[in-house]
Amino acid sequence: QVQLVESGGGLVQAGGSLRLSCAASGRTFSSYAMGWFRQAPGKEREFVAAISWNSGTTYYADSVKGRFTISRDNAKNTVHLQMNSLKPEDTAVYYCAEIDESSWATRDYRYLEVWGQGTLVTVSS
């Protein structure tokens, strides 16, 4: 069974930066696309960014394009989310998830089964 553990969240002022990490264990990490999602208080979880198994393709939500960068290191079984120019509206619990082949092909992430426990990002104004 794969396990995902996020880290790197915290409190930052608007305009600042944070780098989130997600460490995977349990099976072949490099076989799967990976994604970052977030859930703000009182809101539904939403897509943030995704990366293919070989880093050849990335997708971003419009709200984070140009500010966030997703990357992965298959040798270290980790995926990262570099977040720059943070805004108060980026405040949320951030989750990493394993994206199966079907979800990657359709870009429909509603049925992902493997999630981390989340890390809280708070951006103060």
Protein backbone atom coordinates (compact mmCIF):
# COMPACT_ATOMS: atom_id res chain seq x y z
CA GLN A 1 0.00 0.00 0.00
CA VAL A 2 1.43 3.37 -0.98
CA GLN A 3 1.76 6.07 1.64
CA LEU A 4 2.05 9.79 1.00
CA VAL A 5 3.32 12.24 3.61
CA GLU A 6 3.23 15.99 3.03
CA SER A 7 5.42 18.55 4.75
CA GLY A 8 6.46 22.16 4.44
CA GLY A 9 3.29 23.98 5.34
CA GLY A 10 3.23 26.92 7.69
CA LEU A 11 2.39 30.56 8.19
CA VAL A 12 3.68 33.08 5.67
CA GLN A 13 2.93 36.69 4.84
CA ALA A 14 1.31 37.63 1.58
CA GLY A 15 3.92 37.83 -1.16
CA GLY A 16 6.06 35.19 0.49
CA SER A 17 7.03 31.71 -0.59
CA LEU A 18 6.74 28.14 0.67
CA ARG A 19 7.89 24.83 -0.71
CA LEU A 20 5.74 21.81 -0.02
CA SER A 21 7.06 18.28 -0.25
CA CYS A 22 5.32 14.94 -0.54
CA ALA A 23 7.25 11.77 0.22
CA ALA A 24 5.95 8.51 -1.18
CA SER A 25 6.62 4.99 -0.05
CA GLY A 26 5.21 1.55 -0.62
CA ARG A 27 5.37 1.00 -4.37
CA THR A 28 6.91 2.27 -7.55
CA PHE A 29 6.51 6.02 -7.30
CA SER A 30 7.82 6.70 -10.79
CA SER A 31 4.96 4.79 -12.41
CA TYR A 32 2.33 7.34 -11.45
CA ALA A 33 1.44 10.91 -12.17
CA MET A 34 1.13 13.01 -9.03
CA GLY A 35 -0.93 16.00 -8.08
CA TRP A 36 -1.44 18.69 -5.48
CA PHE A 37 -4.87 19.70 -4.31
CA ARG A 38 -6.11 22.06 -1.64
CA GLN A 39 -9.15 22.60 0.53
CA ALA A 40 -9.91 25.96 2.09
CA PRO A 41 -12.20 26.28 5.11
CA GLY A 42 -15.81 25.86 4.06
CA LYS A 43 -14.91 25.00 0.48
CA GLU A 44 -14.58 21.88 -1.58
CA ARG A 45 -11.20 20.40 -2.36
CA GLU A 46 -9.81 21.77 -5.62
CA PHE A 47 -7.09 20.91 -8.08
CA VAL A 48 -3.85 22.89 -7.89
CA ALA A 49 -1.22 21.18 -10.06
CA ALA A 50 -0.28 17.85 -11.57
CA ILE A 51 2.82 16.30 -13.09
CA SER A 52 3.30 13.26 -15.30
CA TRP A 53 5.41 10.29 -14.24
CA ASN A 54 8.46 11.55 -16.17
CA SER A 55 7.92 15.29 -15.49
CA GLY A 56 7.24 15.81 -19.18
CA THR A 57 3.78 17.29 -18.70
CA THR A 58 2.43 19.61 -16.04
CA TYR A 59 -0.96 21.15 -15.46
CA TYR A 60 -1.94 24.06 -13.25
CA ALA A 61 -5.13 25.63 -12.04
CA ASP A 62 -5.60 29.08 -13.51
CA SER A 63 -5.49 30.58 -10.03
CA VAL A 64 -1.89 29.47 -9.47
CA LYS A 65 -0.36 29.66 -12.96
CA GLY A 66 2.82 31.66 -12.97
CA ARG A 67 3.13 31.51 -9.18
CA PHE A 68 3.33 27.79 -8.35
CA THR A 69 5.64 25.15 -9.80
CA ILE A 70 5.24 21.41 -9.42
CA SER A 71 8.26 19.14 -9.73
CA ARG A 72 9.28 15.62 -8.81
CA ASP A 73 12.38 13.61 -8.05
CA ASN A 74 11.75 9.96 -8.87
CA ALA A 75 15.09 8.92 -7.38
CA LYS A 76 13.93 10.28 -4.01
CA ASN A 77 10.25 9.38 -4.38
CA THR A 78 9.21 12.96 -3.76
CA VAL A 79 7.05 15.58 -5.40
CA HIS A 80 7.27 19.27 -4.59
CA LEU A 81 5.14 22.35 -4.93
CA GLN A 82 7.04 25.63 -4.98
CA MET A 83 4.64 28.41 -4.11
CA ASN A 84 5.66 32.01 -4.75
CA SER A 85 3.80 35.31 -4.49
CA LEU A 86 1.39 33.75 -2.04
CA LYS A 87 -1.97 35.38 -1.47
CA PRO A 88 -4.39 35.12 1.47
CA GLU A 89 -6.74 33.16 -0.80
CA ASP A 90 -4.09 30.44 -1.07
CA THR A 91 -4.76 29.58 2.57
CA ALA A 92 -5.83 25.94 2.69
CA VAL A 93 -4.84 22.44 3.62
CA TYR A 94 -2.72 21.12 0.77
CA TYR A 95 -2.81 17.45 -0.18
CA CYS A 96 -0.73 15.40 -2.54
CA ALA A 97 -2.32 12.52 -4.38
CA GLU A 98 -1.39 9.73 -6.71
CA ILE A 99 -3.09 10.11 -10.09
CA ASP A 100 -4.02 6.88 -11.81
CA GLU A 101 -3.76 6.47 -15.57
CA SER A 102 -7.44 6.98 -16.25
CA SER A 103 -7.67 10.12 -14.14
CA TRP A 104 -4.57 11.52 -15.80
CA ALA A 105 -5.97 10.88 -19.28
CA THR A 106 -9.32 12.52 -18.55
CA ARG A 107 -8.02 15.14 -16.09
CA ASP A 108 -10.94 14.11 -13.91
CA TYR A 109 -9.56 13.89 -10.39
CA ARG A 110 -12.77 13.13 -8.53
CA TYR A 111 -12.01 9.46 -7.97
CA LEU A 112 -8.41 9.45 -6.78
CA GLU A 113 -7.83 6.86 -4.10
CA VAL A 114 -4.41 7.60 -2.64
CA TRP A 115 -4.00 10.77 -0.62
CA GLY A 116 -1.67 12.20 1.96
CA GLN A 117 -2.85 13.57 5.29
CA GLY A 118 -2.41 17.19 4.23
CA THR A 119 -0.31 20.14 5.35
CA LEU A 120 -1.74 23.51 6.35
CA VAL A 121 -0.70 26.67 4.55
CA THR A 122 -1.79 29.97 6.06
CA VAL A 123 -1.12 33.21 4.23
CA SER A 124 -1.60 36.36 6.27
CA SER A 125 -2.45 39.72 4.71
